Amino acid sequence: MSKDSRYPNIIPDIIAGIVNGIVIVVSAMALGALIFTGELSIYLPQGIGILLFGSLIFA
């Protein structure tokens, strides 16, 4: 990229966004696995989906 680029920090910003997305997905799956244990384990896929959707809305 040239020195007079409008977006000089685009690569670090993209990497930070990818890392942040991975952290959000992993923490939503971990929280879903903690909440939906025992008798609620049959609802684990729906719970993870709800948590991911909630984190998308919150972000």
C-alpha atoms as a PDB file:
ATOM      1  CA  MET A   1       0.000   0.000   0.000  1.00  0.00           C
ATOM      2  CA  SER A   2       1.116   3.531  -0.588  1.00  0.00           C
ATOM      3  CA  LYS A   3       2.050   5.908   2.201  1.00  0.00           C
ATOM      4  CA  ASP A   4      -0.832   8.274   1.443  1.00  0.00           C
ATOM      5  CA  SER A   5      -3.479   5.589   1.716  1.00  0.00           C
ATOM      6  CA  ARG A   6      -6.797   6.518   3.279  1.00  0.00           C
ATOM      7  CA  TYR A   7      -6.787   3.361   5.404  1.00  0.00           C
ATOM      8  CA  PRO A   8      -3.273   2.818   6.732  1.00  0.00           C
ATOM      9  CA  ASN A   9      -4.364   0.482   9.548  1.00  0.00           C
ATOM     10  CA  ILE A  10      -6.739  -1.733   7.575  1.00  0.00           C
ATOM     11  CA  ILE A  11      -4.782  -4.992   8.018  1.00  0.00           C
ATOM     12  CA  PRO A  12      -4.456  -4.734  11.835  1.00  0.00           C
ATOM     13  CA  ASP A  13      -8.126  -3.743  12.031  1.00  0.00           C
ATOM     14  CA  ILE A  14      -9.208  -6.767   9.993  1.00  0.00           C
ATOM     15  CA  ILE A  15      -7.066  -9.093  12.106  1.00  0.00           C
ATOM     16  CA  ALA A  16      -8.486  -7.603  15.315  1.00  0.00           C
ATOM     17  CA  GLY A  17     -12.023  -8.073  13.997  1.00  0.00           C
ATOM     18  CA  ILE A  18     -11.378 -11.705  13.107  1.00  0.00           C
ATOM     19  CA  VAL A  19      -9.860 -12.421  16.523  1.00  0.00           C
ATOM     20  CA  ASN A  20     -12.763 -10.671  18.239  1.00  0.00           C
ATOM     21  CA  GLY A  21     -15.265 -12.702  16.219  1.00  0.00           C
ATOM     22  CA  ILE A  22     -13.539 -15.956  17.138  1.00  0.00           C
ATOM     23  CA  VAL A  23     -13.544 -15.012  20.829  1.00  0.00           C
ATOM     24  CA  ILE A  24     -17.259 -14.175  20.720  1.00  0.00           C
ATOM     25  CA  VAL A  25     -18.167 -17.464  19.005  1.00  0.00           C
ATOM     26  CA  VAL A  26     -16.068 -19.563  21.385  1.00  0.00           C
ATOM     27  CA  SER A  27     -17.400 -17.822  24.500  1.00  0.00           C
ATOM     28  CA  ALA A  28     -21.010 -18.155  23.293  1.00  0.00           C
ATOM     29  CA  MET A  29     -20.501 -21.876  22.716  1.00  0.00           C
ATOM     30  CA  ALA A  30     -18.869 -22.305  26.130  1.00  0.00           C
ATOM     31  CA  LEU A  31     -21.631 -20.396  27.890  1.00  0.00           C
ATOM     32  CA  GLY A  32     -24.258 -22.421  26.044  1.00  0.00           C
ATOM     33  CA  ALA A  33     -22.556 -25.647  27.090  1.00  0.00           C
ATOM     34  CA  LEU A  34     -22.571 -24.477  30.711  1.00  0.00           C
ATOM     35  CA  ILE A  35     -26.205 -23.380  30.720  1.00  0.00           C
ATOM     36  CA  PHE A  36     -27.676 -26.264  28.744  1.00  0.00           C
ATOM     37  CA  THR A  37     -26.447 -29.254  30.737  1.00  0.00           C
ATOM     38  CA  GLY A  38     -28.335 -32.169  32.210  1.00  0.00           C
ATOM     39  CA  GLU A  39     -31.984 -32.258  31.196  1.00  0.00           C
ATOM     40  CA  LEU A  40     -31.534 -29.184  29.014  1.00  0.00           C
ATOM     41  CA  SER A  41     -28.798 -30.787  26.905  1.00  0.00           C
ATOM     42  CA  ILE A  42     -31.283 -31.650  24.158  1.00  0.00           C
ATOM     43  CA  TYR A  43     -31.726 -27.903  23.613  1.00  0.00           C
ATOM     44  CA  LEU A  44     -27.987 -27.163  23.344  1.00  0.00           C
ATOM     45  CA  PRO A  45     -27.961 -26.377  19.585  1.00  0.00           C
ATOM     46  CA  GLN A  46     -30.886 -23.963  19.951  1.00  0.00           C
ATOM     47  CA  GLY A  47     -29.269 -22.391  23.009  1.00  0.00           C
ATOM     48  CA  ILE A  48     -25.996 -21.803  21.206  1.00  0.00           C
ATOM     49  CA  GLY A  49     -27.899 -20.271  18.305  1.00  0.00           C
ATOM     50  CA  ILE A  50     -29.790 -17.951  20.622  1.00  0.00           C
ATOM     51  CA  LEU A  51     -26.576 -16.902  22.374  1.00  0.00           C
ATOM     52  CA  LEU A  52     -24.822 -16.238  19.057  1.00  0.00           C
ATOM     53  CA  PHE A  53     -27.773 -14.205  17.805  1.00  0.00           C
ATOM     54  CA  GLY A  54     -27.851 -12.260  21.074  1.00  0.00           C
ATOM     55  CA  SER A  55     -24.158 -11.470  20.848  1.00  0.00           C
ATOM     56  CA  LEU A  56     -24.653 -10.342  17.246  1.00  0.00           C
ATOM     57  CA  ILE A  57     -27.423  -7.969  18.319  1.00  0.00           C
ATOM     58  CA  PHE A  58     -25.407  -6.756  21.320  1.00  0.00           C
ATOM     59  CA  ALA A  59     -22.268  -6.107  19.264  1.00  0.00           C
END
